[in-house]
Amino acid sequence: EFQKRLTPRQSYYLVSKTPSMGSPEDFINTIKSDPNVIDAQWDR
């Protein structure tokens, strides 16, 4: 799910996963391996 854009001039976004769908480790590792992603990290 899309939550918000974090910076007006750069492509930083806050997204979230549904807790019951997939593991957290698979979620962030899949995001990091995407060629369109520069970087990703958990947000609190």
All heavy atoms as atom14 arrays in JSON, in Angstrom:
{
  "sequence": "EFQKRLTPRQSYYLVSKTPSMGSPEDFINTIKSDPNVIDAQWDR",
  "atom14_mask": [
    [1, 1, 1, 1, 1, 1, 1, 1, 1, 0, 0, 0, 0, 0],
    [1, 1, 1, 1, 1, 1, 1, 1, 1, 1, 1, 0, 0, 0],
    [1, 1, 1, 1, 1, 1, 1, 1, 1, 0, 0, 0, 0, 0],
    [1, 1, 1, 1, 1, 1, 1, 1, 1, 0, 0, 0, 0, 0],
    [1, 1, 1, 1, 1, 1, 1, 1, 1, 1, 1, 0, 0, 0],
    [1, 1, 1, 1, 1, 1, 1, 1, 0, 0, 0, 0, 0, 0],
    [1, 1, 1, 1, 1, 1, 1, 0, 0, 0, 0, 0, 0, 0],
    [1, 1, 1, 1, 1, 1, 1, 0, 0, 0, 0, 0, 0, 0],
    [1, 1, 1, 1, 1, 1, 1, 1, 1, 1, 1, 0, 0, 0],
    [1, 1, 1, 1, 1, 1, 1, 1, 1, 0, 0, 0, 0, 0],
    [1, 1, 1, 1, 1, 1, 0, 0, 0, 0, 0, 0, 0, 0],
    [1, 1, 1, 1, 1, 1, 1, 1, 1, 1, 1, 1, 0, 0],
    [1, 1, 1, 1, 1, 1, 1, 1, 1, 1, 1, 1, 0, 0],
    [1, 1, 1, 1, 1, 1, 1, 1, 0, 0, 0, 0, 0, 0],
    [1, 1, 1, 1, 1, 1, 1, 0, 0, 0, 0, 0, 0, 0],
    [1, 1, 1, 1, 1, 1, 0, 0, 0, 0, 0, 0, 0, 0],
    [1, 1, 1, 1, 1, 1, 1, 1, 1, 0, 0, 0, 0, 0],
    [1, 1, 1, 1, 1, 1, 1, 0, 0, 0, 0, 0, 0, 0],
    [1, 1, 1, 1, 1, 1, 1, 0, 0, 0, 0, 0, 0, 0],
    [1, 1, 1, 1, 1, 1, 0, 0, 0, 0, 0, 0, 0, 0],
    [1, 1, 1, 1, 1, 1, 1, 1, 0, 0, 0, 0, 0, 0],
    [1, 1, 1, 1, 0, 0, 0, 0, 0, 0, 0, 0, 0, 0],
    [1, 1, 1, 1, 1, 1, 0, 0, 0, 0, 0, 0, 0, 0],
    [1, 1, 1, 1, 1, 1, 1, 0, 0, 0, 0, 0, 0, 0],
    [1, 1, 1, 1, 1, 1, 1, 1, 1, 0, 0, 0, 0, 0],
    [1, 1, 1, 1, 1, 1, 1, 1, 0, 0, 0, 0, 0, 0],
    [1, 1, 1, 1, 1, 1, 1, 1, 1, 1, 1, 0, 0, 0],
    [1, 1, 1, 1, 1, 1, 1, 1, 0, 0, 0, 0, 0, 0],
    [1, 1, 1, 1, 1, 1, 1, 1, 0, 0, 0, 0, 0, 0],
    [1, 1, 1, 1, 1, 1, 1, 0, 0, 0, 0, 0, 0, 0],
    [1, 1, 1, 1, 1, 1, 1, 1, 0, 0, 0, 0, 0, 0],
    [1, 1, 1, 1, 1, 1, 1, 1, 1, 0, 0, 0, 0, 0],
    [1, 1, 1, 1, 1, 1, 0, 0, 0, 0, 0, 0, 0, 0],
    [1, 1, 1, 1, 1, 1, 1, 1, 0, 0, 0, 0, 0, 0],
    [1, 1, 1, 1, 1, 1, 1, 0, 0, 0, 0, 0, 0, 0],
    [1, 1, 1, 1, 1, 1, 1, 1, 0, 0, 0, 0, 0, 0],
    [1, 1, 1, 1, 1, 1, 1, 0, 0, 0, 0, 0, 0, 0],
    [1, 1, 1, 1, 1, 1, 1, 1, 0, 0, 0, 0, 0, 0],
    [1, 1, 1, 1, 1, 1, 1, 1, 0, 0, 0, 0, 0, 0],
    [1, 1, 1, 1, 1, 0, 0, 0, 0, 0, 0, 0, 0, 0],
    [1, 1, 1, 1, 1, 1, 1, 1, 1, 0, 0, 0, 0, 0],
    [1, 1, 1, 1, 1, 1, 1, 1, 1, 1, 1, 1, 1, 1],
    [1, 1, 1, 1, 1, 1, 1, 1, 0, 0, 0, 0, 0, 0],
    [1, 1, 1, 1, 1, 1, 1, 1, 1, 1, 1, 0, 0, 0]
  ],
  "atom14_positions": [
    [[0.84, -1.2, 0.0], [0.0, 0.0, 0.0], [0.88, 1.25, 0.0], [1.92, 1.29, 0.66], [-0.91, 0.03, 1.24], [-1.95, -1.08, 1.27], [-2.85, -0.97, 2.48], [-2.65, -0.01, 3.28], [-3.73, -1.83, 2.64], [0.0, 0.0, 0.0], [0.0, 0.0, 0.0], [0.0, 0.0, 0.0], [0.0, 0.0, 0.0], [0.0, 0.0, 0.0]],
    [[0.45, 2.25, -0.75], [1.15, 3.53, -0.78], [0.71, 4.38, 0.41], [-0.48, 4.5, 0.68], [0.83, 4.27, -2.09], [1.45, 5.64, -2.18], [2.77, 5.79, -2.55], [0.7, 6.77, -1.88], [3.36, 7.05, -2.63], [1.27, 8.03, -1.96], [2.6, 8.17, -2.34], [0.0, 0.0, 0.0], [0.0, 0.0, 0.0], [0.0, 0.0, 0.0]],
    [[1.68, 4.94, 1.14], [1.35, 5.78, 2.29], [1.56, 7.26, 2.0], [0.64, 8.05, 2.13], [2.19, 5.36, 3.5], [2.01, 3.92, 3.92], [0.58, 3.58, 4.3], [-0.21, 4.45, 4.64], [0.23, 2.3, 4.24], [0.0, 0.0, 0.0], [0.0, 0.0, 0.0], [0.0, 0.0, 0.0], [0.0, 0.0, 0.0], [0.0, 0.0, 0.0]],
    [[2.77, 7.63, 1.56], [3.01, 9.04, 1.26], [4.36, 9.23, 0.56], [5.22, 8.34, 0.62], [2.99, 9.9, 2.52], [4.07, 9.55, 3.55], [4.17, 10.6, 4.65], [2.92, 10.64, 5.47], [3.04, 11.61, 6.6], [0.0, 0.0, 0.0], [0.0, 0.0, 0.0], [0.0, 0.0, 0.0], [0.0, 0.0, 0.0], [0.0, 0.0, 0.0]],
    [[4.5, 10.37, -0.09], [5.8, 10.79, -0.6], [6.5, 11.55, 0.51], [5.9, 12.44, 1.13], [5.64, 11.66, -1.84], [6.97, 12.04, -2.49], [6.79, 12.67, -3.84], [8.09, 12.83, -4.52], [8.24, 12.97, -5.81], [7.15, 12.98, -6.6], [9.43, 13.11, -6.35], [0.0, 0.0, 0.0], [0.0, 0.0, 0.0], [0.0, 0.0, 0.0]],
    [[7.76, 11.22, 0.78], [8.45, 11.78, 1.94], [9.21, 13.06, 1.64], [9.42, 13.88, 2.52], [9.4, 10.74, 2.54], [8.73, 9.47, 3.08], [9.78, 8.46, 3.52], [7.79, 9.8, 4.24], [0.0, 0.0, 0.0], [0.0, 0.0, 0.0], [0.0, 0.0, 0.0], [0.0, 0.0, 0.0], [0.0, 0.0, 0.0], [0.0, 0.0, 0.0]],
    [[9.66, 13.21, 0.41], [10.41, 14.42, 0.04], [9.83, 14.97, -1.26], [9.56, 14.21, -2.19], [11.9, 14.12, -0.16], [12.04, 13.04, -1.1], [12.57, 13.72, 1.15], [0.0, 0.0, 0.0], [0.0, 0.0, 0.0], [0.0, 0.0, 0.0], [0.0, 0.0, 0.0], [0.0, 0.0, 0.0], [0.0, 0.0, 0.0], [0.0, 0.0, 0.0]],
    [[9.63, 16.29, -1.35], [8.96, 16.86, -2.53], [9.8, 16.8, -3.81], [9.24, 16.74, -4.9], [8.7, 18.31, -2.11], [9.7, 18.59, -1.04], [9.92, 17.3, -0.33], [0.0, 0.0, 0.0], [0.0, 0.0, 0.0], [0.0, 0.0, 0.0], [0.0, 0.0, 0.0], [0.0, 0.0, 0.0], [0.0, 0.0, 0.0], [0.0, 0.0, 0.0]],
    [[11.12, 16.82, -3.69], [11.96, 16.9, -4.88], [12.69, 15.6, -5.21], [13.28, 15.48, -6.28], [12.99, 18.02, -4.71], [12.36, 19.41, -4.6], [13.43, 20.47, -4.48], [12.83, 21.8, -4.35], [13.52, 22.93, -4.22], [14.85, 22.88, -4.21], [12.9, 24.08, -4.09], [0.0, 0.0, 0.0], [0.0, 0.0, 0.0], [0.0, 0.0, 0.0]],
    [[12.69, 14.64, -4.29], [13.37, 13.38, -4.53], [12.38, 12.23, -4.41], [11.31, 12.37, -3.81], [14.53, 13.2, -3.55], [15.65, 14.22, -3.72], [16.75, 14.03, -2.69], [16.52, 14.18, -1.49], [17.94, 13.68, -3.16], [0.0, 0.0, 0.0], [0.0, 0.0, 0.0], [0.0, 0.0, 0.0], [0.0, 0.0, 0.0], [0.0, 0.0, 0.0]],
    [[12.76, 11.11, -4.99], [11.83, 9.98, -5.1], [11.89, 9.06, -3.87], [12.19, 7.87, -3.98], [12.13, 9.18, -6.37], [12.06, 10.02, -7.5], [0.0, 0.0, 0.0], [0.0, 0.0, 0.0], [0.0, 0.0, 0.0], [0.0, 0.0, 0.0], [0.0, 0.0, 0.0], [0.0, 0.0, 0.0], [0.0, 0.0, 0.0], [0.0, 0.0, 0.0]],
    [[11.6, 9.63, -2.69], [11.51, 8.85, -1.46], [10.04, 8.66, -1.11], [9.28, 9.63, -1.0], [12.22, 9.57, -0.31], [13.72, 9.57, -0.41], [14.39, 10.67, -0.93], [14.47, 8.48, 0.03], [15.78, 10.68, -1.01], [15.84, 8.48, -0.05], [16.5, 9.59, -0.57], [17.87, 9.59, -0.65], [0.0, 0.0, 0.0], [0.0, 0.0, 0.0]],
    [[9.64, 7.4, -0.92], [8.25, 7.1, -0.64], [8.15, 6.17, 0.58], [9.07, 5.4, 0.86], [7.59, 6.41, -1.84], [7.65, 7.22, -3.11], [8.7, 7.03, -4.01], [6.67, 8.17, -3.4], [8.77, 7.76, -5.19], [6.73, 8.91, -4.58], [7.78, 8.7, -5.46], [7.85, 9.45, -6.62], [0.0, 0.0, 0.0], [0.0, 0.0, 0.0]],
    [[7.01, 6.26, 1.24], [6.71, 5.33, 2.33], [5.64, 4.37, 1.84], [4.54, 4.79, 1.44], [6.21, 6.08, 3.57], [5.87, 5.2, 4.78], [7.14, 4.59, 5.36], [5.13, 5.99, 5.84], [0.0, 0.0, 0.0], [0.0, 0.0, 0.0], [0.0, 0.0, 0.0], [0.0, 0.0, 0.0], [0.0, 0.0, 0.0], [0.0, 0.0, 0.0]],
    [[5.97, 3.07, 1.84], [5.01, 2.04, 1.47], [4.92, 1.04, 2.61], [5.8, 0.99, 3.48], [5.42, 1.33, 0.16], [5.47, 2.3, -1.0], [6.75, 0.61, 0.31], [0.0, 0.0, 0.0], [0.0, 0.0, 0.0], [0.0, 0.0, 0.0], [0.0, 0.0, 0.0], [0.0, 0.0, 0.0], [0.0, 0.0, 0.0], [0.0, 0.0, 0.0]],
    [[3.86, 0.24, 2.61], [3.71, -0.75, 3.68], [3.15, -2.04, 3.1], [2.56, -2.06, 2.02], [2.79, -0.23, 4.78], [1.48, -0.02, 4.29], [0.0, 0.0, 0.0], [0.0, 0.0, 0.0], [0.0, 0.0, 0.0], [0.0, 0.0, 0.0], [0.0, 0.0, 0.0], [0.0, 0.0, 0.0], [0.0, 0.0, 0.0], [0.0, 0.0, 0.0]],
    [[3.35, -3.13, 3.84], [2.82, -4.43, 3.46], [1.69, -4.83, 4.39], [1.6, -4.36, 5.53], [3.91, -5.51, 3.48], [4.39, -5.88, 4.89], [5.39, -7.02, 4.87], [4.78, -8.35, 4.55], [3.85, -8.83, 5.61], [0.0, 0.0, 0.0], [0.0, 0.0, 0.0], [0.0, 0.0, 0.0], [0.0, 0.0, 0.0], [0.0, 0.0, 0.0]],
    [[0.82, -5.69, 3.91], [-0.21, -6.27, 4.76], [0.42, -7.34, 5.63], [1.09, -8.25, 5.11], [-1.34, -6.88, 3.91], [-1.89, -5.85, 3.07], [-2.43, -7.47, 4.79], [0.0, 0.0, 0.0], [0.0, 0.0, 0.0], [0.0, 0.0, 0.0], [0.0, 0.0, 0.0], [0.0, 0.0, 0.0], [0.0, 0.0, 0.0], [0.0, 0.0, 0.0]],
    [[0.29, -7.27, 6.96], [0.99, -8.21, 7.86], [0.78, -9.68, 7.53], [1.69, -10.49, 7.69], [0.43, -7.86, 9.24], [0.05, -6.42, 9.12], [-0.45, -6.25, 7.73], [0.0, 0.0, 0.0], [0.0, 0.0, 0.0], [0.0, 0.0, 0.0], [0.0, 0.0, 0.0], [0.0, 0.0, 0.0], [0.0, 0.0, 0.0], [0.0, 0.0, 0.0]],
    [[-0.39, -10.04, 7.06], [-0.7, -11.45, 6.82], [-0.23, -11.96, 5.46], [-0.38, -13.14, 5.15], [-2.21, -11.69, 6.94], [-2.91, -10.91, 5.97], [0.0, 0.0, 0.0], [0.0, 0.0, 0.0], [0.0, 0.0, 0.0], [0.0, 0.0, 0.0], [0.0, 0.0, 0.0], [0.0, 0.0, 0.0], [0.0, 0.0, 0.0], [0.0, 0.0, 0.0]],
    [[0.36, -11.08, 4.64], [0.74, -11.46, 3.28], [2.26, -11.45, 3.12], [2.87, -10.4, 2.93], [0.08, -10.53, 2.26], [-1.44, -10.56, 2.31], [-2.25, -9.44, 1.15], [-1.85, -10.22, -0.41], [0.0, 0.0, 0.0], [0.0, 0.0, 0.0], [0.0, 0.0, 0.0], [0.0, 0.0, 0.0], [0.0, 0.0, 0.0], [0.0, 0.0, 0.0]],
    [[2.87, -12.62, 3.21], [4.31, -12.74, 3.03], [5.08, -12.34, 4.27], [4.54, -11.72, 5.2], [0.0, 0.0, 0.0], [0.0, 0.0, 0.0], [0.0, 0.0, 0.0], [0.0, 0.0, 0.0], [0.0, 0.0, 0.0], [0.0, 0.0, 0.0], [0.0, 0.0, 0.0], [0.0, 0.0, 0.0], [0.0, 0.0, 0.0], [0.0, 0.0, 0.0]],
    [[6.37, -12.69, 4.28], [7.21, -12.36, 5.44], [7.86, -11.0, 5.26], [8.1, -10.56, 4.13], [8.3, -13.42, 5.61], [9.28, -13.3, 4.6], [0.0, 0.0, 0.0], [0.0, 0.0, 0.0], [0.0, 0.0, 0.0], [0.0, 0.0, 0.0], [0.0, 0.0, 0.0], [0.0, 0.0, 0.0], [0.0, 0.0, 0.0], [0.0, 0.0, 0.0]],
    [[8.17, -10.32, 6.37], [8.86, -9.03, 6.27], [10.2, -9.14, 5.55], [10.57, -8.25, 4.77], [9.05, -8.62, 7.74], [8.04, -9.37, 8.5], [7.86, -10.67, 7.77], [0.0, 0.0, 0.0], [0.0, 0.0, 0.0], [0.0, 0.0, 0.0], [0.0, 0.0, 0.0], [0.0, 0.0, 0.0], [0.0, 0.0, 0.0], [0.0, 0.0, 0.0]],
    [[10.96, -10.21, 5.81], [12.27, -10.37, 5.19], [12.15, -10.49, 3.67], [12.89, -9.86, 2.92], [12.97, -11.61, 5.75], [13.37, -11.51, 7.21], [12.2, -11.72, 8.16], [11.13, -12.21, 7.7], [12.34, -11.4, 9.35], [0.0, 0.0, 0.0], [0.0, 0.0, 0.0], [0.0, 0.0, 0.0], [0.0, 0.0, 0.0], [0.0, 0.0, 0.0]],
    [[11.17, -11.29, 3.2], [10.96, -11.43, 1.76], [10.53, -10.11, 1.13], [10.94, -9.77, 0.01], [9.9, -12.51, 1.47], [10.42, -13.91, 1.74], [11.65, -14.08, 1.85], [9.59, -14.84, 1.85], [0.0, 0.0, 0.0], [0.0, 0.0, 0.0], [0.0, 0.0, 0.0], [0.0, 0.0, 0.0], [0.0, 0.0, 0.0], [0.0, 0.0, 0.0]],
    [[9.71, -9.36, 1.86], [9.21, -8.08, 1.35], [10.35, -7.1, 1.09], [10.52, -6.6, -0.03], [8.21, -7.5, 2.35], [7.58, -6.2, 1.91], [6.94, -6.09, 0.68], [7.61, -5.09, 2.74], [6.36, -4.89, 0.28], [7.02, -3.89, 2.35], [6.38, -3.79, 1.12], [0.0, 0.0, 0.0], [0.0, 0.0, 0.0], [0.0, 0.0, 0.0]],
    [[11.17, -6.84, 2.11], [12.22, -5.84, 1.92], [13.34, -6.35, 1.02], [13.92, -5.58, 0.24], [12.79, -5.37, 3.29], [13.58, -4.08, 3.1], [13.63, -6.46, 3.95], [13.88, -3.33, 4.36], [0.0, 0.0, 0.0], [0.0, 0.0, 0.0], [0.0, 0.0, 0.0], [0.0, 0.0, 0.0], [0.0, 0.0, 0.0], [0.0, 0.0, 0.0]],
    [[13.63, -7.64, 1.04], [14.67, -8.18, 0.15], [14.24, -8.13, -1.31], [15.05, -7.87, -2.2], [15.04, -9.6, 0.56], [15.81, -9.66, 1.85], [16.48, -8.68, 2.23], [15.74, -10.77, 2.55], [0.0, 0.0, 0.0], [0.0, 0.0, 0.0], [0.0, 0.0, 0.0], [0.0, 0.0, 0.0], [0.0, 0.0, 0.0], [0.0, 0.0, 0.0]],
    [[12.96, -8.39, -1.57], [12.44, -8.3, -2.93], [12.48, -6.86, -3.43], [12.83, -6.6, -4.59], [11.0, -8.85, -3.0], [10.97, -10.17, -2.48], [10.49, -8.86, -4.43], [0.0, 0.0, 0.0], [0.0, 0.0, 0.0], [0.0, 0.0, 0.0], [0.0, 0.0, 0.0], [0.0, 0.0, 0.0], [0.0, 0.0, 0.0], [0.0, 0.0, 0.0]],
    [[12.15, -5.92, -2.55], [12.22, -4.5, -2.92], [13.66, -4.1, -3.24], [13.94, -3.45, -4.25], [11.64, -3.62, -1.78], [10.13, -3.76, -1.71], [12.03, -2.15, -1.99], [9.48, -3.0, -0.57], [0.0, 0.0, 0.0], [0.0, 0.0, 0.0], [0.0, 0.0, 0.0], [0.0, 0.0, 0.0], [0.0, 0.0, 0.0], [0.0, 0.0, 0.0]],
    [[14.59, -4.5, -2.39], [15.99, -4.12, -2.59], [16.58, -4.7, -3.87], [17.48, -4.11, -4.46], [16.83, -4.56, -1.38], [16.64, -3.71, -0.15], [17.61, -4.17, 0.94], [17.58, -3.23, 2.11], [18.6, -3.57, 3.12], [0.0, 0.0, 0.0], [0.0, 0.0, 0.0], [0.0, 0.0, 0.0], [0.0, 0.0, 0.0], [0.0, 0.0, 0.0]],
    [[16.11, -5.87, -4.28], [16.65, -6.5, -5.48], [16.06, -5.95, -6.77], [16.51, -6.29, -7.86], [16.42, -8.02, -5.41], [15.03, -8.32, -5.42], [0.0, 0.0, 0.0], [0.0, 0.0, 0.0], [0.0, 0.0, 0.0], [0.0, 0.0, 0.0], [0.0, 0.0, 0.0], [0.0, 0.0, 0.0], [0.0, 0.0, 0.0], [0.0, 0.0, 0.0]],
    [[15.04, -5.09, -6.65], [14.41, -4.51, -7.83], [15.35, -3.5, -8.48], [15.89, -2.62, -7.8], [13.1, -3.83, -7.42], [12.27, -3.42, -8.62], [12.72, -2.52, -9.37], [11.18, -3.98, -8.81], [0.0, 0.0, 0.0], [0.0, 0.0, 0.0], [0.0, 0.0, 0.0], [0.0, 0.0, 0.0], [0.0, 0.0, 0.0], [0.0, 0.0, 0.0]],
    [[15.58, -3.57, -9.81], [16.5, -2.64, -10.48], [16.05, -1.19, -10.46], [16.88, -0.29, -10.67], [16.55, -3.18, -11.92], [15.32, -4.01, -12.08], [15.04, -4.58, -10.73], [0.0, 0.0, 0.0], [0.0, 0.0, 0.0], [0.0, 0.0, 0.0], [0.0, 0.0, 0.0], [0.0, 0.0, 0.0], [0.0, 0.0, 0.0], [0.0, 0.0, 0.0]],
    [[14.77, -0.93, -10.18], [14.28, 0.44, -10.11], [14.45, 1.07, -8.72], [14.09, 2.22, -8.52], [12.8, 0.49, -10.49], [12.58, 0.23, -11.97], [13.29, 0.77, -12.81], [11.61, -0.63, -12.28], [0.0, 0.0, 0.0], [0.0, 0.0, 0.0], [0.0, 0.0, 0.0], [0.0, 0.0, 0.0], [0.0, 0.0, 0.0], [0.0, 0.0, 0.0]],
    [[15.0, 0.29, -7.79], [15.17, 0.76, -6.42], [16.63, 1.09, -6.16], [17.52, 0.27, -6.39], [14.68, -0.31, -5.41], [15.0, 0.11, -3.98], [13.19, -0.54, -5.58], [0.0, 0.0, 0.0], [0.0, 0.0, 0.0], [0.0, 0.0, 0.0], [0.0, 0.0, 0.0], [0.0, 0.0, 0.0], [0.0, 0.0, 0.0], [0.0, 0.0, 0.0]],
    [[16.88, 2.31, -5.68], [18.24, 2.71, -5.29], [18.57, 2.18, -3.9], [19.65, 1.65, -3.66], [18.38, 4.25, -5.33], [18.18, 4.75, -6.77], [19.74, 4.69, -4.79], [18.16, 6.26, -6.89], [0.0, 0.0, 0.0], [0.0, 0.0, 0.0], [0.0, 0.0, 0.0], [0.0, 0.0, 0.0], [0.0, 0.0, 0.0], [0.0, 0.0, 0.0]],
    [[17.63, 2.32, -2.99], [17.84, 1.84, -1.62], [16.5, 1.74, -0.92], [15.5, 2.32, -1.35], [18.76, 2.79, -0.86], [19.44, 2.12, 0.33], [19.15, 0.93, 0.57], [20.24, 2.77, 1.0], [0.0, 0.0, 0.0], [0.0, 0.0, 0.0], [0.0, 0.0, 0.0], [0.0, 0.0, 0.0], [0.0, 0.0, 0.0], [0.0, 0.0, 0.0]],
    [[16.47, 0.97, 0.18], [15.25, 0.81, 0.97], [15.63, 0.47, 2.39], [16.66, -0.15, 2.64], [14.36, -0.29, 0.38], [0.0, 0.0, 0.0], [0.0, 0.0, 0.0], [0.0, 0.0, 0.0], [0.0, 0.0, 0.0], [0.0, 0.0, 0.0], [0.0, 0.0, 0.0], [0.0, 0.0, 0.0], [0.0, 0.0, 0.0], [0.0, 0.0, 0.0]],
    [[14.79, 0.89, 3.34], [15.02, 0.56, 4.74], [13.7, 0.56, 5.49], [12.73, 1.21, 5.07], [15.98, 1.56, 5.4], [15.39, 2.94, 5.66], [16.31, 3.83, 6.47], [17.51, 3.82, 6.27], [15.74, 4.62, 7.35], [0.0, 0.0, 0.0], [0.0, 0.0, 0.0], [0.0, 0.0, 0.0], [0.0, 0.0, 0.0], [0.0, 0.0, 0.0]],
    [[13.66, -0.2, 6.56], [12.47, -0.2, 7.41], [12.28, 1.18, 8.03], [13.25, 1.84, 8.39], [12.58, -1.24, 8.52], [12.53, -2.66, 8.06], [13.52, -3.59, 8.16], [11.42, -3.32, 7.46], [13.11, -4.78, 7.64], [11.83, -4.66, 7.2], [10.13, -2.93, 7.09], [10.99, -5.59, 6.61], [9.29, -3.86, 6.51], [9.71, -5.17, 6.27]],
    [[11.03, 1.58, 8.18], [10.72, 2.85, 8.82], [10.01, 2.58, 10.14], [8.84, 2.23, 10.15], [9.82, 3.71, 7.94], [9.37, 4.97, 8.65], [10.23, 5.73, 9.11], [8.14, 5.18, 8.77], [0.0, 0.0, 0.0], [0.0, 0.0, 0.0], [0.0, 0.0, 0.0], [0.0, 0.0, 0.0], [0.0, 0.0, 0.0], [0.0, 0.0, 0.0]],
    [[10.74, 2.71, 11.25], [10.17, 2.5, 12.58], [9.19, 1.34, 12.54], [7.99, 1.51, 12.77], [9.44, 3.76, 13.04], [10.33, 4.97, 13.18], [9.52, 6.23, 13.42], [8.69, 6.07, 14.58], [7.52, 6.69, 14.73], [7.04, 7.47, 13.81], [6.83, 6.52, 15.84], [0.0, 0.0, 0.0], [0.0, 0.0, 0.0], [0.0, 0.0, 0.0]]
  ]
}
